[in-house]
Amino acid sequence: MGSVNDSDLFPTALKILIAGGFGVGKTTLVSSVSEIEPLSTEELLTQVSVATDDLEGVEKKTTTTVAMDFGRITLSADHVLYLFGTPGQERFWFMWDELSAGALGAVVLADTRRLEQCFAAVDFFERRGIGFIVAVNQFDGGYHYDPEEVRAAIDLKPDIPVVLCDARQSHSGTQVLVSLVQHLIDSRSQHVIDVI
């Protein structure tokens, strides 16, 4: 009788982070693409947090992620994609280091009404050498910039893709993840070519 490997019993787990500032749609994106009911650590905003959380541009927001969001997409019998949404407020950024451990890559979600909200996430992934793309969430009433205008405003390197999305739509969210995986493959291929 042959021995059974763990790989025969458990699929390979691939970890992707969904990051960005407060209120940019991270929980919505994870929820729209997850095949399972996502785990969410959403809590009600209270009067106490008003002095801490900047609600400009998201005045109707009533909840916030305090730890993470978690979703899953089964790619095949051998591969499962796990999505981890990071908390957006600065007071919860200490969670980012833990959540980023072992991540394949990341999506930085941006809102053109408040582009400065994504600066910390861009800086975080650049400093740690984690491959990422920027996905501009097309909010109703938001400014609809060209992706190259967003790149210039964020001061992104030319090789980092900027894509447009609607985090509420499953198809749109899936396209963002496909763009990230393609970017990661292209980056690794380029790295191999540079080494040779």
C-alpha atoms as a PDB file:
ATOM      1  CA  MET A   1       0.000   0.000   0.000  1.00  0.00           C
ATOM      2  CA  GLY A   2       1.466   3.380  -1.015  1.00  0.00           C
ATOM      3  CA  SER A   3       1.925   6.217   1.434  1.00  0.00           C
ATOM      4  CA  VAL A   4      -0.449   9.170   1.362  1.00  0.00           C
ATOM      5  CA  ASN A   5       1.057  12.648   1.070  1.00  0.00           C
ATOM      6  CA  ASP A   6      -0.568  15.732   2.590  1.00  0.00           C
ATOM      7  CA  SER A   7      -0.793  17.101  -0.954  1.00  0.00           C
ATOM      8  CA  ASP A   8      -3.079  14.173  -1.828  1.00  0.00           C
ATOM      9  CA  LEU A   9      -5.451  15.119   1.006  1.00  0.00           C
ATOM     10  CA  PHE A  10      -5.293  18.916   1.125  1.00  0.00           C
ATOM     11  CA  PRO A  11      -5.240  21.409  -1.741  1.00  0.00           C
ATOM     12  CA  THR A  12      -2.457  23.969  -2.019  1.00  0.00           C
ATOM     13  CA  ALA A  13      -3.531  27.187  -0.295  1.00  0.00           C
ATOM     14  CA  LEU A  14      -2.841  30.458  -2.095  1.00  0.00           C
ATOM     15  CA  LYS A  15      -3.186  33.622  -0.032  1.00  0.00           C
ATOM     16  CA  ILE A  16      -4.179  37.032  -1.431  1.00  0.00           C
ATOM     17  CA  LEU A  17      -4.627  40.228   0.589  1.00  0.00           C
ATOM     18  CA  ILE A  18      -7.257  42.858  -0.157  1.00  0.00           C
ATOM     19  CA  ALA A  19      -5.964  46.102   1.349  1.00  0.00           C
ATOM     20  CA  GLY A  20      -6.598  49.823   1.248  1.00  0.00           C
ATOM     21  CA  GLY A  21      -7.927  52.639   3.347  1.00  0.00           C
ATOM     22  CA  PHE A  22     -11.029  52.971   5.454  1.00  0.00           C
ATOM     23  CA  GLY A  23     -14.264  52.586   3.504  1.00  0.00           C
ATOM     24  CA  VAL A  24     -12.818  51.749   0.071  1.00  0.00           C
ATOM     25  CA  GLY A  25     -14.802  48.507  -0.382  1.00  0.00           C
ATOM     26  CA  LYS A  26     -12.519  45.728   0.874  1.00  0.00           C
ATOM     27  CA  THR A  27     -15.273  43.854   2.732  1.00  0.00           C
ATOM     28  CA  THR A  28     -17.570  44.273  -0.276  1.00  0.00           C
ATOM     29  CA  LEU A  29     -14.962  42.865  -2.685  1.00  0.00           C
ATOM     30  CA  VAL A  30     -14.236  39.821  -0.519  1.00  0.00           C
ATOM     31  CA  SER A  31     -17.983  39.198  -0.101  1.00  0.00           C
ATOM     32  CA  SER A  32     -18.738  39.520  -3.817  1.00  0.00           C
ATOM     33  CA  VAL A  33     -16.178  36.934  -4.978  1.00  0.00           C
ATOM     34  CA  SER A  34     -16.133  34.427  -2.104  1.00  0.00           C
ATOM     35  CA  GLU A  35     -17.800  31.057  -2.713  1.00  0.00           C
ATOM     36  CA  ILE A  36     -18.521  30.738   1.006  1.00  0.00           C
ATOM     37  CA  GLU A  37     -20.283  33.073   3.376  1.00  0.00           C
ATOM     38  CA  PRO A  38     -17.313  35.293   4.212  1.00  0.00           C
ATOM     39  CA  LEU A  39     -16.031  35.674   7.725  1.00  0.00           C
ATOM     40  CA  SER A  40     -16.254  39.328   8.595  1.00  0.00           C
ATOM     41  CA  THR A  41     -15.198  41.189  11.706  1.00  0.00           C
ATOM     42  CA  GLU A  42     -17.399  44.206  10.985  1.00  0.00           C
ATOM     43  CA  GLU A  43     -18.398  46.216  14.032  1.00  0.00           C
ATOM     44  CA  LEU A  44     -20.667  49.228  14.348  1.00  0.00           C
ATOM     45  CA  LEU A  45     -19.041  52.631  14.298  1.00  0.00           C
ATOM     46  CA  THR A  46     -19.729  54.443  17.553  1.00  0.00           C
ATOM     47  CA  GLN A  47     -19.619  58.033  18.710  1.00  0.00           C
ATOM     48  CA  VAL A  48     -16.310  57.229  20.405  1.00  0.00           C
ATOM     49  CA  SER A  49     -14.695  56.428  17.035  1.00  0.00           C
ATOM     50  CA  VAL A  50     -15.853  59.667  15.374  1.00  0.00           C
ATOM     51  CA  ALA A  51     -12.762  61.500  16.609  1.00  0.00           C
ATOM     52  CA  THR A  52     -10.523  58.678  15.306  1.00  0.00           C
ATOM     53  CA  ASP A  53     -12.133  57.584  12.028  1.00  0.00           C
ATOM     54  CA  ASP A  54     -12.283  60.116   9.189  1.00  0.00           C
ATOM     55  CA  LEU A  55     -15.736  59.717   7.640  1.00  0.00           C
ATOM     56  CA  GLU A  56     -15.262  62.399   4.981  1.00  0.00           C
ATOM     57  CA  GLY A  57     -16.531  60.939   1.731  1.00  0.00           C
ATOM     58  CA  VAL A  58     -18.079  57.908   3.473  1.00  0.00           C
ATOM     59  CA  GLU A  59     -20.537  59.625   5.789  1.00  0.00           C
ATOM     60  CA  LYS A  60     -23.128  56.833   5.376  1.00  0.00           C
ATOM     61  CA  LYS A  61     -20.703  54.128   6.534  1.00  0.00           C
ATOM     62  CA  THR A  62     -21.969  52.521   9.746  1.00  0.00           C
ATOM     63  CA  THR A  63     -19.553  49.594  10.238  1.00  0.00           C
ATOM     64  CA  THR A  64     -15.822  48.956  10.108  1.00  0.00           C
ATOM     65  CA  THR A  65     -13.537  45.928   9.918  1.00  0.00           C
ATOM     66  CA  VAL A  66     -11.625  45.515  13.171  1.00  0.00           C
ATOM     67  CA  ALA A  67      -9.508  42.452  12.365  1.00  0.00           C
ATOM     68  CA  MET A  68      -9.998  40.992   8.879  1.00  0.00           C
ATOM     69  CA  ASP A  69     -12.381  39.668   6.279  1.00  0.00           C
ATOM     70  CA  PHE A  70     -11.940  36.128   4.995  1.00  0.00           C
ATOM     71  CA  GLY A  71     -13.234  34.479   1.838  1.00  0.00           C
ATOM     72  CA  ARG A  72     -12.420  31.437  -0.291  1.00  0.00           C
ATOM     73  CA  ILE A  73     -12.412  30.531  -3.973  1.00  0.00           C
ATOM     74  CA  THR A  74     -11.762  26.932  -5.052  1.00  0.00           C
ATOM     75  CA  LEU A  75      -9.681  27.069  -8.222  1.00  0.00           C
ATOM     76  CA  SER A  76      -9.349  23.303  -8.663  1.00  0.00           C
ATOM     77  CA  ALA A  77      -9.189  20.132  -6.584  1.00  0.00           C
ATOM     78  CA  ASP A  78      -5.531  20.984  -5.954  1.00  0.00           C
ATOM     79  CA  HIS A  79      -5.657  24.772  -5.406  1.00  0.00           C
ATOM     80  CA  VAL A  80      -7.718  27.017  -3.148  1.00  0.00           C
ATOM     81  CA  LEU A  81      -7.454  30.803  -3.044  1.00  0.00           C
ATOM     82  CA  TYR A  82      -7.889  32.398   0.376  1.00  0.00           C
ATOM     83  CA  LEU A  83      -8.742  36.104   0.500  1.00  0.00           C
ATOM     84  CA  PHE A  84      -7.866  38.190   3.526  1.00  0.00           C
ATOM     85  CA  GLY A  85      -9.266  41.720   3.723  1.00  0.00           C
ATOM     86  CA  THR A  86      -7.201  44.003   5.931  1.00  0.00           C
ATOM     87  CA  PRO A  87      -8.657  46.600   8.310  1.00  0.00           C
ATOM     88  CA  GLY A  88      -8.462  50.128   6.918  1.00  0.00           C
ATOM     89  CA  GLN A  89      -8.044  52.398   9.920  1.00  0.00           C
ATOM     90  CA  GLU A  90      -4.557  53.269  11.099  1.00  0.00           C
ATOM     91  CA  ARG A  91      -5.278  52.020  14.628  1.00  0.00           C
ATOM     92  CA  PHE A  92      -5.667  48.470  13.222  1.00  0.00           C
ATOM     93  CA  TRP A  93      -2.636  48.483  10.888  1.00  0.00           C
ATOM     94  CA  PHE A  94      -0.663  46.311  13.327  1.00  0.00           C
ATOM     95  CA  MET A  95      -2.752  43.423  11.890  1.00  0.00           C
ATOM     96  CA  TRP A  96      -1.215  43.898   8.425  1.00  0.00           C
ATOM     97  CA  ASP A  97       2.110  42.258   9.313  1.00  0.00           C
ATOM     98  CA  GLU A  98       0.369  39.116  10.563  1.00  0.00           C
ATOM     99  CA  LEU A  99      -2.053  38.971   7.653  1.00  0.00           C
ATOM    100  CA  SER A 100       0.688  39.466   5.042  1.00  0.00           C
ATOM    101  CA  ALA A 101       2.765  36.479   6.199  1.00  0.00           C
ATOM    102  CA  GLY A 102       2.840  33.969   3.341  1.00  0.00           C
ATOM    103  CA  ALA A 103       0.819  36.136   0.957  1.00  0.00           C
ATOM    104  CA  LEU A 104       1.228  35.453  -2.753  1.00  0.00           C
ATOM    105  CA  GLY A 105       0.245  39.034  -3.579  1.00  0.00           C
ATOM    106  CA  ALA A 106      -2.188  41.836  -2.839  1.00  0.00           C
ATOM    107  CA  VAL A 107      -4.856  44.074  -4.280  1.00  0.00           C
ATOM    108  CA  VAL A 108      -4.783  47.687  -3.078  1.00  0.00           C
ATOM    109  CA  LEU A 109      -8.322  48.991  -3.424  1.00  0.00           C
ATOM    110  CA  ALA A 110      -8.580  52.731  -4.071  1.00  0.00           C
ATOM    111  CA  ASP A 111     -11.393  55.299  -4.066  1.00  0.00           C
ATOM    112  CA  THR A 112     -10.804  58.302  -6.354  1.00  0.00           C
ATOM    113  CA  ARG A 113     -12.709  60.523  -3.927  1.00  0.00           C
ATOM    114  CA  ARG A 114     -10.010  59.796  -1.327  1.00  0.00           C
ATOM    115  CA  LEU A 115      -6.901  58.512  -3.118  1.00  0.00           C
ATOM    116  CA  GLU A 116      -4.699  59.369  -0.141  1.00  0.00           C
ATOM    117  CA  GLN A 117      -6.391  56.493   1.726  1.00  0.00           C
ATOM    118  CA  CYS A 118      -4.412  53.946  -0.344  1.00  0.00           C
ATOM    119  CA  PHE A 119      -0.933  55.476   0.161  1.00  0.00           C
ATOM    120  CA  ALA A 120      -0.190  53.453   3.317  1.00  0.00           C
ATOM    121  CA  ALA A 121      -1.096  50.143   1.647  1.00  0.00           C
ATOM    122  CA  VAL A 122       1.012  50.899  -1.447  1.00  0.00           C
ATOM    123  CA  ASP A 123       3.957  51.803   0.790  1.00  0.00           C
ATOM    124  CA  PHE A 124       3.447  48.672   2.931  1.00  0.00           C
ATOM    125  CA  PHE A 125       3.635  46.257  -0.021  1.00  0.00           C
ATOM    126  CA  GLU A 126       6.478  48.096  -1.762  1.00  0.00           C
ATOM    127  CA  ARG A 127       8.611  47.982   1.409  1.00  0.00           C
ATOM    128  CA  ARG A 128       8.004  44.261   1.885  1.00  0.00           C
ATOM    129  CA  GLY A 129       8.476  43.302  -1.756  1.00  0.00           C
ATOM    130  CA  ILE A 130       4.987  41.816  -2.019  1.00  0.00           C
ATOM    131  CA  GLY A 131       3.613  42.008  -5.562  1.00  0.00           C
ATOM    132  CA  PHE A 132       0.416  44.026  -5.867  1.00  0.00           C
ATOM    133  CA  ILE A 133      -1.914  45.842  -8.204  1.00  0.00           C
ATOM    134  CA  VAL A 134      -4.145  48.859  -7.592  1.00  0.00           C
ATOM    135  CA  ALA A 135      -7.871  48.405  -8.263  1.00  0.00           C
ATOM    136  CA  VAL A 136      -9.887  51.626  -8.457  1.00  0.00           C
ATOM    137  CA  ASN A 137     -13.349  50.980  -7.050  1.00  0.00           C
ATOM    138  CA  GLN A 138     -15.871  52.845  -9.208  1.00  0.00           C
ATOM    139  CA  PHE A 139     -18.159  54.336  -6.568  1.00  0.00           C
ATOM    140  CA  ASP A 140     -21.407  56.013  -7.564  1.00  0.00           C
ATOM    141  CA  GLY A 141     -20.655  59.728  -7.538  1.00  0.00           C
ATOM    142  CA  GLY A 142     -16.892  59.163  -7.581  1.00  0.00           C
ATOM    143  CA  TYR A 143     -14.522  60.688 -10.097  1.00  0.00           C
ATOM    144  CA  HIS A 144     -13.893  58.370 -13.019  1.00  0.00           C
ATOM    145  CA  TYR A 145     -10.223  58.916 -13.729  1.00  0.00           C
ATOM    146  CA  ASP A 146      -8.216  57.153 -16.368  1.00  0.00           C
ATOM    147  CA  PRO A 147      -5.974  54.490 -14.753  1.00  0.00           C
ATOM    148  CA  GLU A 148      -2.868  56.418 -15.850  1.00  0.00           C
ATOM    149  CA  GLU A 149      -4.112  59.515 -14.018  1.00  0.00           C
ATOM    150  CA  VAL A 150      -4.481  57.391 -10.877  1.00  0.00           C
ATOM    151  CA  ARG A 151      -0.965  55.985 -11.394  1.00  0.00           C
ATOM    152  CA  ALA A 152       0.454  59.515 -11.571  1.00  0.00           C
ATOM    153  CA  ALA A 153      -1.519  60.688  -8.527  1.00  0.00           C
ATOM    154  CA  ILE A 154      -0.291  57.733  -6.423  1.00  0.00           C
ATOM    155  CA  ASP A 155       3.219  57.902  -7.934  1.00  0.00           C
ATOM    156  CA  LEU A 156       3.203  54.206  -8.850  1.00  0.00           C
ATOM    157  CA  LYS A 157       5.984  52.500 -10.729  1.00  0.00           C
ATOM    158  CA  PRO A 158       5.122  51.861 -14.402  1.00  0.00           C
ATOM    159  CA  ASP A 159       5.106  48.065 -13.999  1.00  0.00           C
ATOM    160  CA  ILE A 160       2.333  48.025 -11.362  1.00  0.00           C
ATOM    161  CA  PRO A 161      -1.080  47.585 -13.036  1.00  0.00           C
ATOM    162  CA  VAL A 162      -3.969  49.930 -12.262  1.00  0.00           C
ATOM    163  CA  VAL A 163      -7.382  48.450 -13.078  1.00  0.00           C
ATOM    164  CA  LEU A 164     -10.942  49.688 -12.686  1.00  0.00           C
ATOM    165  CA  CYS A 165     -13.578  47.659 -10.844  1.00  0.00           C
ATOM    166  CA  ASP A 166     -16.922  47.649  -9.115  1.00  0.00           C
ATOM    167  CA  ALA A 167     -16.364  45.770  -5.842  1.00  0.00           C
ATOM    168  CA  ARG A 168     -20.094  44.987  -5.647  1.00  0.00           C
ATOM    169  CA  GLN A 169     -19.992  42.878  -8.814  1.00  0.00           C
ATOM    170  CA  SER A 170     -18.621  39.338  -8.608  1.00  0.00           C
ATOM    171  CA  HIS A 171     -17.412  39.339 -12.225  1.00  0.00           C
ATOM    172  CA  SER A 172     -15.571  42.625 -11.714  1.00  0.00           C
ATOM    173  CA  GLY A 173     -13.928  41.404  -8.512  1.00  0.00           C
ATOM    174  CA  THR A 174     -12.885  38.175 -10.215  1.00  0.00           C
ATOM    175  CA  GLN A 175     -11.281  40.171 -13.050  1.00  0.00           C
ATOM    176  CA  VAL A 176      -9.258  42.092 -10.442  1.00  0.00           C
ATOM    177  CA  LEU A 177      -7.934  38.812  -9.026  1.00  0.00           C
ATOM    178  CA  VAL A 178      -7.107  37.546 -12.521  1.00  0.00           C
ATOM    179  CA  SER A 179      -5.201  40.800 -13.183  1.00  0.00           C
ATOM    180  CA  LEU A 180      -3.237  40.337  -9.959  1.00  0.00           C
ATOM    181  CA  VAL A 181      -2.296  36.731 -10.778  1.00  0.00           C
ATOM    182  CA  GLN A 182      -1.255  37.725 -14.308  1.00  0.00           C
ATOM    183  CA  HIS A 183       0.895  40.527 -12.871  1.00  0.00           C
ATOM    184  CA  LEU A 184       2.546  38.119 -10.422  1.00  0.00           C
ATOM    185  CA  ILE A 185       3.268  35.624 -13.226  1.00  0.00           C
ATOM    186  CA  ASP A 186       4.666  38.372 -15.483  1.00  0.00           C
ATOM    187  CA  SER A 187       6.834  39.738 -12.645  1.00  0.00           C
ATOM    188  CA  ARG A 188       8.295  36.321 -11.859  1.00  0.00           C
ATOM    189  CA  SER A 189       8.937  35.626 -15.555  1.00  0.00           C
ATOM    190  CA  GLN A 190      10.754  38.952 -15.860  1.00  0.00           C
ATOM    191  CA  HIS A 191      12.785  38.147 -12.748  1.00  0.00           C
ATOM    192  CA  VAL A 192      13.892  34.815 -14.278  1.00  0.00           C
ATOM    193  CA  ILE A 193      14.880  36.576 -17.498  1.00  0.00           C
ATOM    194  CA  ASP A 194      16.854  39.199 -15.521  1.00  0.00           C
ATOM    195  CA  VAL A 195      18.695  36.470 -13.590  1.00  0.00           C
ATOM    196  CA  ILE A 196      19.623  34.613 -16.785  1.00  0.00           C
END
